[in-house]
Amino acid sequence: MTMDGSFGLQSALERFLGRCPKLLSFPQIDSLAKKGHVLTEEEVVNVMAEVFLHPNYTIPLIGCFRPIARKIVDKAVALLRMVPNLRSKENDTLAEVEEDEVLNEVASVIELYNRAGRGLDLHEFVCLAACRALDFAPFLLGPILDYFKFAPPPFERILMEVKSFELCGKVGTCVLRAARTSYRLLLLNSEIFSKLWDWSCFLDLVKQSSTCDPSRGFGNEDSVIADIRWCGIQILSVVLKMSCRPTVDFSMEAEAAFTCLLRWEEFCLDTSLEKAGWYIQSPEQNRLSSPSSSIDFTQENCLQSSGLCSSAISSSGFHEIELPTQSKRLTRWGPKSVGNLFVPTSAVKKSFEMVVLAVSQKWPVLLYGPAGAGKSALINKLTLDSGNEVVS
């Protein structure tokens, strides 16, 4: 979906399959791709509902089909209602590498794990997909909460095994996956998820993981144990509304906690690049190359690009919204206030694109450089293109 709010099923499907060409090897998706302009929304939703749950395809799917993401997730939840047991762990003997290879050969994780009697693994993949979807589109909270009305909490594995397992091997990896997914969901909406389940099992998890010394070696198991403990501490700090330094309260060394934080941030990076891509158009659509180009940052287009229905707010409603910060400013820059002409050299254009990306995501921006570097000209160019004013 572009910034002007345009969306087409056929182009979205082509873009998605261009990013995930392996899906064309599956008959139902190949058949969908061959329909061309006669493709219907219902057909796309029915096929993509199961693909949405696949960990390899959740992110590009939401990125390409965001305007109909609600219908896709609703359909996925309806399919998951028919899974007989989301807590089963039968035939749980595949190594992590083997599991990745198996996942690469299927498009439907529901069929794969349901047939193998591994409902708990399926549930954890659903929770991961839910985290990513909520990160992209908070308006998907409704269908995700509908799923948890009949599904166990994201930390069901910890509830089932916290008193019996040792945090090593594949067990530790699975526990870490459950802990990270649980923490990610909690951060996305702590007000709702902190009250939805009983999180007390993480007290036992932190206690058990603390009996292992993560600094005794340099193996992968040590980092897994440390990450499990760190996630458990962070979850407890949110649920119990503890201090801003929970790792200190639980006697976790600062260096170990910082290393865990870096691995956590890496875990959450999966959606960042996709978000950035929404604000960077393809070369043939890029309007930044011309000094006379314009970028529309109107509230209506922002709602459309966020997947929200702008029809819920009348067009007159936008003009009735008061912008007090602009009306109360006394000094403004006009087009003539900046004497330097904005010249889009390759270096300046790159800086301009980065500023546009940051503004689109409502990130603060700090411009620095010597006098005459073009800072004021860049700001003036941005305000002209977005229809705003520079105030001081």
Protein backbone atom coordinates (compact mmCIF):
# COMPACT_ATOMS: atom_id res chain seq x y z
CA MET A 1 0.00 0.00 0.00
CA THR A 2 1.43 3.34 -1.01
CA MET A 3 1.29 6.57 0.98
CA ASP A 4 -1.61 7.84 -1.13
CA GLY A 5 -3.76 5.01 0.20
CA SER A 6 -4.07 3.10 -3.08
CA PHE A 7 -4.35 -0.69 -2.88
CA GLY A 8 -4.95 -3.41 -5.43
CA LEU A 9 -5.29 -7.13 -4.78
CA GLN A 10 -3.42 -8.21 -7.88
CA SER A 11 -0.49 -5.85 -7.38
CA ALA A 12 -0.30 -6.73 -3.68
CA LEU A 13 -0.23 -10.45 -4.49
CA GLU A 14 2.44 -9.93 -7.14
CA ARG A 15 4.55 -7.94 -4.69
CA PHE A 16 4.11 -10.59 -2.00
CA LEU A 17 5.03 -13.49 -4.28
CA GLY A 18 7.94 -11.48 -5.62
CA ARG A 19 9.28 -11.38 -2.08
CA CYS A 20 8.35 -15.01 -1.33
CA PRO A 21 8.75 -16.84 -4.69
CA LYS A 22 8.91 -20.25 -3.02
CA LEU A 23 5.18 -20.02 -2.33
CA LEU A 24 4.52 -20.40 -6.05
CA SER A 25 5.49 -24.07 -5.69
CA PHE A 26 2.27 -24.68 -3.75
CA PRO A 27 -0.72 -25.38 -6.03
CA GLN A 28 -3.30 -23.28 -4.19
CA ILE A 29 -1.08 -20.20 -4.26
CA ASP A 30 0.06 -20.74 -7.84
CA SER A 31 -3.59 -21.00 -8.85
CA LEU A 32 -4.29 -17.75 -7.04
CA ALA A 33 -1.46 -16.00 -8.87
CA LYS A 34 -2.83 -17.07 -12.27
CA LYS A 35 -6.24 -15.49 -11.72
CA GLY A 36 -4.98 -12.03 -12.61
CA HIS A 37 -7.56 -9.25 -12.59
CA VAL A 38 -10.43 -11.65 -11.75
CA LEU A 39 -8.89 -12.28 -8.34
CA THR A 40 -11.34 -11.71 -5.49
CA GLU A 41 -10.71 -10.58 -1.94
CA GLU A 42 -12.38 -13.67 -0.50
CA GLU A 43 -10.02 -15.96 -2.43
CA VAL A 44 -6.98 -14.06 -1.17
CA VAL A 45 -8.22 -14.09 2.43
CA ASN A 46 -8.98 -17.82 2.38
CA VAL A 47 -5.53 -18.75 1.08
CA MET A 48 -3.47 -16.22 3.01
CA ALA A 49 -5.07 -17.00 6.39
CA GLU A 50 -2.87 -20.07 6.87
CA VAL A 51 0.17 -18.44 5.26
CA PHE A 52 -0.12 -15.63 7.81
CA LEU A 53 0.72 -18.07 10.62
CA HIS A 54 3.92 -19.28 8.95
CA PRO A 55 6.90 -17.63 10.69
CA ASN A 56 8.67 -17.09 7.36
CA TYR A 57 5.78 -15.22 5.75
CA THR A 58 3.94 -13.26 8.46
CA ILE A 59 5.95 -10.07 8.04
CA PRO A 60 5.88 -9.73 4.23
CA LEU A 61 2.22 -10.76 4.19
CA ILE A 62 1.14 -8.02 6.59
CA GLY A 63 3.35 -5.58 4.73
CA CYS A 64 1.69 -6.34 1.39
CA PHE A 65 -1.91 -6.98 2.51
CA ARG A 66 -2.24 -4.55 5.40
CA PRO A 67 -5.58 -3.04 4.26
CA ILE A 68 -7.23 -6.48 4.41
CA ALA A 69 -5.14 -7.79 7.31
CA ARG A 70 -8.13 -7.77 9.66
CA LYS A 71 -10.05 -10.17 7.41
CA ILE A 72 -7.01 -12.43 7.02
CA VAL A 73 -6.46 -12.63 10.78
CA ASP A 74 -10.18 -13.21 11.42
CA LYS A 75 -10.09 -16.13 8.98
CA ALA A 76 -6.95 -17.54 10.60
CA VAL A 77 -8.61 -17.42 14.03
CA ALA A 78 -11.64 -19.25 12.61
CA LEU A 79 -9.36 -22.01 11.28
CA LEU A 80 -7.55 -22.29 14.61
CA ARG A 81 -10.85 -22.86 16.40
CA MET A 82 -11.03 -26.22 14.63
CA VAL A 83 -7.68 -27.43 16.00
CA PRO A 84 -8.62 -30.06 18.62
CA ASN A 85 -5.77 -29.49 21.07
CA LEU A 86 -3.46 -26.48 21.24
CA ARG A 87 -1.61 -27.96 24.22
CA SER A 88 -0.49 -31.29 22.75
CA LYS A 89 3.23 -32.08 22.51
CA GLU A 90 3.36 -35.47 20.79
CA ASN A 91 6.22 -36.39 18.47
CA ASP A 92 8.19 -33.42 19.75
CA THR A 93 11.52 -34.88 18.67
CA LEU A 94 12.61 -32.78 15.68
CA ALA A 95 15.85 -30.88 16.04
CA GLU A 96 15.70 -27.14 15.45
CA VAL A 97 17.55 -27.40 12.13
CA GLU A 98 15.27 -30.21 10.95
CA GLU A 99 12.22 -28.22 11.96
CA ASP A 100 13.39 -25.24 9.90
CA GLU A 101 13.83 -27.52 6.90
CA VAL A 102 10.33 -28.93 7.33
CA LEU A 103 8.84 -25.44 7.64
CA ASN A 104 10.51 -24.40 4.40
CA GLU A 105 8.61 -27.13 2.58
CA VAL A 106 5.09 -26.21 3.71
CA ALA A 107 2.77 -23.23 3.50
CA SER A 108 0.21 -24.38 6.08
CA VAL A 109 1.58 -24.72 9.59
CA ILE A 110 -1.89 -25.62 10.89
CA GLU A 111 -1.99 -28.80 8.84
CA LEU A 112 1.65 -29.67 9.60
CA TYR A 113 1.51 -29.39 13.38
CA ASN A 114 -2.06 -30.57 13.81
CA ARG A 115 -1.28 -33.77 11.92
CA ALA A 116 1.85 -34.31 14.02
CA GLY A 117 -0.04 -33.78 17.28
CA ARG A 118 2.09 -30.75 18.15
CA GLY A 119 -0.59 -28.24 19.00
CA LEU A 120 1.62 -26.40 21.50
CA ASP A 121 4.24 -25.65 18.83
CA LEU A 122 1.48 -24.42 16.55
CA HIS A 123 0.14 -22.22 19.34
CA GLU A 124 3.56 -20.65 19.87
CA PHE A 125 3.87 -19.86 16.17
CA VAL A 126 0.43 -18.25 16.33
CA CYS A 127 1.57 -16.13 19.28
CA LEU A 128 4.66 -15.03 17.35
CA ALA A 129 2.49 -14.08 14.38
CA ALA A 130 0.19 -12.18 16.75
CA CYS A 131 3.14 -10.20 18.14
CA ARG A 132 4.31 -9.21 14.70
CA ALA A 133 0.82 -8.36 13.50
CA LEU A 134 0.11 -6.17 16.53
CA ASP A 135 3.44 -4.43 16.09
CA PHE A 136 2.47 -3.55 12.52
CA ALA A 137 -1.21 -2.88 13.05
CA PRO A 138 -2.61 -2.27 16.56
CA PHE A 139 -6.12 -2.43 15.10
CA LEU A 140 -5.66 -6.23 14.93
CA LEU A 141 -5.97 -6.49 18.71
CA GLY A 142 -9.63 -7.55 18.44
CA PRO A 143 -9.16 -10.81 16.50
CA ILE A 144 -6.04 -11.64 18.51
CA LEU A 145 -8.02 -11.35 21.75
CA ASP A 146 -10.69 -13.53 20.13
CA TYR A 147 -8.03 -16.20 19.64
CA PHE A 148 -6.99 -16.11 23.28
CA LYS A 149 -10.60 -16.64 24.34
CA PHE A 150 -10.20 -20.32 23.44
CA ALA A 151 -6.40 -20.69 23.32
CA PRO A 152 -3.97 -21.01 26.23
CA PRO A 153 -1.65 -18.14 27.21
CA PRO A 154 1.55 -17.64 25.19
CA PHE A 155 3.58 -19.08 28.09
CA GLU A 156 1.60 -22.34 28.28
CA ARG A 157 4.81 -24.35 27.86
CA ILE A 158 6.23 -22.70 30.97
CA LEU A 159 3.05 -23.42 32.92
CA MET A 160 3.21 -27.08 31.93
CA GLU A 161 6.88 -27.72 32.58
CA VAL A 162 8.38 -25.06 34.80
CA LYS A 163 8.84 -27.47 37.71
CA SER A 164 10.09 -30.40 35.69
CA PHE A 165 12.38 -29.24 32.91
CA GLU A 166 16.03 -28.37 32.80
CA LEU A 167 16.85 -25.29 30.76
CA CYS A 168 19.13 -26.93 28.27
CA GLY A 169 19.06 -28.13 24.68
CA LYS A 170 15.90 -27.73 22.66
CA VAL A 171 13.80 -27.43 25.82
CA GLY A 172 15.61 -24.24 26.75
CA THR A 173 15.22 -22.87 23.23
CA CYS A 174 11.47 -23.53 23.28
CA VAL A 175 11.10 -21.98 26.73
CA LEU A 176 13.01 -18.91 25.56
CA ARG A 177 10.75 -18.60 22.52
CA ALA A 178 7.69 -18.71 24.78
CA ALA A 179 9.17 -16.19 27.21
CA ARG A 180 10.18 -13.75 24.48
CA THR A 181 6.82 -13.97 22.75
CA SER A 182 5.02 -13.44 26.06
CA TYR A 183 7.13 -10.40 26.90
CA ARG A 184 6.64 -8.94 23.44
CA LEU A 185 2.87 -9.28 23.68
CA LEU A 186 2.96 -7.74 27.14
CA LEU A 187 4.88 -4.71 25.90
CA LEU A 188 2.53 -4.19 22.97
CA ASN A 189 -0.45 -3.77 25.29
CA SER A 190 0.49 -4.15 28.94
CA GLU A 191 -2.83 -2.79 30.18
CA ILE A 192 -4.79 -5.66 28.62
CA PHE A 193 -2.37 -8.58 28.62
CA SER A 194 -1.11 -8.07 32.18
CA LYS A 195 -4.67 -8.67 33.41
CA LEU A 196 -5.61 -11.37 30.93
CA TRP A 197 -3.49 -14.15 32.48
CA ASP A 198 -1.80 -15.15 35.72
CA TRP A 199 1.90 -14.42 35.19
CA SER A 200 3.11 -15.82 38.52
CA CYS A 201 4.81 -18.79 36.83
CA PHE A 202 7.61 -16.42 35.86
CA LEU A 203 8.57 -16.10 39.52
CA ASP A 204 9.37 -19.82 39.50
CA LEU A 205 11.08 -19.49 36.12
CA VAL A 206 13.37 -16.69 37.31
CA LYS A 207 14.17 -18.64 40.46
CA GLN A 208 14.98 -21.79 38.53
CA SER A 209 17.10 -20.02 35.92
CA SER A 210 19.03 -18.20 38.65
CA THR A 211 20.38 -21.53 39.91
CA CYS A 212 22.31 -21.79 36.64
CA ASP A 213 25.31 -19.53 36.26
CA PRO A 214 25.17 -18.04 32.73
CA SER A 215 28.72 -16.68 33.06
CA ARG A 216 30.38 -20.02 33.66
CA GLY A 217 31.04 -20.58 29.96
CA PHE A 218 30.56 -19.29 26.46
CA GLY A 219 28.23 -21.88 25.03
CA ASN A 220 24.89 -21.20 23.45
CA GLU A 221 23.05 -22.80 26.38
CA ASP A 222 24.49 -20.20 28.73
CA SER A 223 23.09 -17.34 26.66
CA VAL A 224 19.72 -19.11 26.42
CA ILE A 225 19.51 -19.46 30.20
CA ALA A 226 20.53 -15.83 30.69
CA ASP A 227 17.94 -14.66 28.16
CA ILE A 228 15.21 -16.72 29.83
CA ARG A 229 16.02 -15.18 33.18
CA TRP A 230 16.22 -11.67 31.72
CA CYS A 231 12.84 -12.03 29.98
CA GLY A 232 11.27 -13.39 33.15
CA ILE A 233 12.59 -10.45 35.15
CA GLN A 234 11.32 -7.94 32.60
CA ILE A 235 7.88 -9.57 32.56
CA LEU A 236 7.64 -9.43 36.34
CA SER A 237 8.73 -5.80 36.33
CA VAL A 238 5.87 -4.90 33.98
CA VAL A 239 3.20 -7.00 35.67
CA LEU A 240 4.21 -6.01 39.21
CA LYS A 241 5.06 -2.41 38.21
CA MET A 242 8.50 -2.63 39.71
CA SER A 243 11.36 -0.13 39.54
CA CYS A 244 13.07 0.92 36.34
CA ARG A 245 16.05 -1.32 37.19
CA PRO A 246 14.46 -4.74 37.74
CA THR A 247 17.61 -6.71 36.90
CA VAL A 248 19.35 -5.06 39.86
CA ASP A 249 16.46 -6.04 42.13
CA PHE A 250 16.92 -9.66 41.04
CA SER A 251 20.72 -9.51 41.41
CA MET A 252 21.51 -9.91 37.73
CA GLU A 253 24.89 -8.52 36.75
CA ALA A 254 24.77 -5.36 34.66
CA GLU A 255 26.99 -6.72 31.89
CA ALA A 256 24.93 -9.89 31.53
CA ALA A 257 21.69 -7.87 31.54
CA PHE A 258 22.99 -5.53 28.85
CA THR A 259 24.02 -8.45 26.65
CA CYS A 260 20.54 -9.93 27.04
CA LEU A 261 19.02 -6.57 26.15
CA LEU A 262 21.01 -6.47 22.91
CA ARG A 263 19.81 -9.96 21.97
CA TRP A 264 16.24 -8.93 22.82
CA GLU A 265 16.45 -5.88 20.58
CA GLU A 266 17.79 -8.07 17.79
CA PHE A 267 14.81 -10.40 18.29
CA CYS A 268 12.43 -7.45 17.86
CA LEU A 269 14.14 -6.09 14.74
CA ASP A 270 12.15 -8.42 12.50
CA THR A 271 9.40 -5.84 11.94
CA SER A 272 11.51 -2.67 11.82
CA LEU A 273 12.72 -2.97 8.23
CA GLU A 274 9.21 -3.74 7.02
CA LYS A 275 7.88 -0.62 8.72
CA ALA A 276 10.61 1.48 7.14
CA GLY A 277 9.75 0.06 3.73
CA TRP A 278 6.22 1.45 3.95
CA TYR A 279 7.65 4.96 3.74
CA ILE A 280 10.20 4.39 1.00
CA GLN A 281 8.62 4.08 -2.41
CA SER A 282 10.04 2.29 -5.42
CA PRO A 283 12.25 4.36 -7.80
CA GLU A 284 9.52 4.81 -10.39
CA GLN A 285 7.16 6.11 -7.70
CA ASN A 286 9.72 8.12 -5.77
CA ARG A 287 8.86 11.80 -5.85
CA LEU A 288 11.85 12.94 -3.84
CA SER A 289 14.13 13.36 -6.85
CA SER A 290 12.60 16.66 -7.94
CA PRO A 291 12.89 19.92 -5.98
CA SER A 292 9.26 20.62 -6.86
CA SER A 293 8.04 17.24 -5.61
CA SER A 294 5.53 17.05 -2.79
CA ILE A 295 4.85 14.64 0.03
CA ASP A 296 1.41 14.38 1.52
CA PHE A 297 1.47 14.01 5.30
CA THR A 298 -2.20 14.88 5.80
CA GLN A 299 -4.01 13.25 8.69
CA GLU A 300 -6.37 11.47 6.32
CA ASN A 301 -3.57 9.85 4.35
CA CYS A 302 -1.80 8.86 7.55
CA LEU A 303 -4.97 7.06 8.64
CA GLN A 304 -5.21 5.32 5.29
CA SER A 305 -1.59 4.23 5.30
CA SER A 306 -2.11 2.91 8.83
CA GLY A 307 -4.86 0.62 7.61
CA LEU A 308 -7.63 2.56 9.35
CA CYS A 309 -10.86 3.36 7.62
CA SER A 310 -10.94 7.06 6.94
CA SER A 311 -14.64 6.89 6.17
CA ALA A 312 -15.26 6.65 9.91
CA ILE A 313 -14.26 10.31 10.12
CA SER A 314 -15.96 12.78 7.84
CA SER A 315 -13.85 14.99 5.65
CA SER A 316 -15.21 18.02 7.43
CA GLY A 317 -14.07 16.50 10.70
CA PHE A 318 -10.46 16.87 9.69
CA HIS A 319 -10.84 20.61 9.20
CA GLU A 320 -12.55 20.96 12.56
CA ILE A 321 -9.54 19.59 14.43
CA GLU A 322 -7.74 22.44 16.15
CA LEU A 323 -3.97 22.56 16.03
CA PRO A 324 -3.15 24.70 19.07
CA THR A 325 0.62 24.39 18.80
CA GLN A 326 0.61 26.07 15.41
CA SER A 327 -1.91 28.78 16.24
CA LYS A 328 -0.09 29.89 19.38
CA ARG A 329 3.31 30.32 17.75
CA LEU A 330 4.27 33.90 16.99
CA THR A 331 7.22 33.46 14.66
CA ARG A 332 7.01 31.40 11.48
CA TRP A 333 9.23 30.71 8.53
CA GLY A 334 7.71 31.34 5.17
CA PRO A 335 9.05 30.17 1.80
CA LYS A 336 11.13 33.34 1.60
CA SER A 337 12.58 33.03 5.08
CA VAL A 338 15.33 30.71 3.94
CA GLY A 339 17.69 32.23 1.46
CA ASN A 340 19.43 29.01 0.44
CA LEU A 341 17.84 27.04 -2.38
CA PHE A 342 17.35 23.35 -1.69
CA VAL A 343 19.61 21.55 -4.17
CA PRO A 344 19.03 17.76 -4.07
CA THR A 345 22.56 16.46 -4.47
CA SER A 346 23.08 12.76 -3.79
CA ALA A 347 24.22 13.43 -0.21
CA VAL A 348 21.44 15.93 0.51
CA LYS A 349 18.82 13.69 -1.07
CA LYS A 350 19.89 10.80 1.17
CA SER A 351 19.60 13.02 4.25
CA PHE A 352 16.20 14.23 3.09
CA GLU A 353 14.94 10.67 2.63
CA MET A 354 16.11 9.76 6.14
CA VAL A 355 14.34 12.79 7.61
CA VAL A 356 11.14 11.94 5.71
CA LEU A 357 11.30 8.39 7.06
CA ALA A 358 11.81 9.63 10.62
CA VAL A 359 8.98 12.17 10.39
CA SER A 360 6.66 9.55 8.91
CA GLN A 361 7.26 7.31 11.93
CA LYS A 362 7.08 10.27 14.36
CA TRP A 363 10.69 9.88 15.44
CA PRO A 364 12.57 12.92 16.79
CA VAL A 365 15.24 14.23 14.43
CA LEU A 366 18.46 16.08 15.24
CA LEU A 367 20.14 17.86 12.33
CA TYR A 368 23.70 18.97 12.88
CA GLY A 369 26.43 20.46 10.72
CA PRO A 370 28.33 23.68 10.06
CA ALA A 371 26.69 26.89 8.92
CA GLY A 372 25.64 26.69 5.30
CA ALA A 373 25.40 22.89 5.30
CA GLY A 374 21.73 23.06 4.30
CA LYS A 375 19.95 22.26 7.55
CA SER A 376 17.50 25.14 7.30
CA ALA A 377 16.94 24.57 3.59
CA LEU A 378 16.14 20.91 4.23
CA ILE A 379 13.60 21.80 6.92
CA ASN A 380 12.01 24.43 4.72
CA LYS A 381 11.78 21.94 1.85
CA LEU A 382 10.09 19.39 4.11
CA THR A 383 7.53 21.91 5.35
CA LEU A 384 6.71 23.06 1.82
CA ASP A 385 6.18 19.49 0.61
CA SER A 386 4.07 18.50 3.61
CA GLY A 387 1.96 21.68 3.68
CA ASN A 388 3.13 22.74 7.12
CA GLU A 389 5.00 25.72 8.52
CA VAL A 390 8.28 26.03 10.37
CA VAL A 391 7.86 27.69 13.75
CA SER A 392 10.50 29.01 16.09
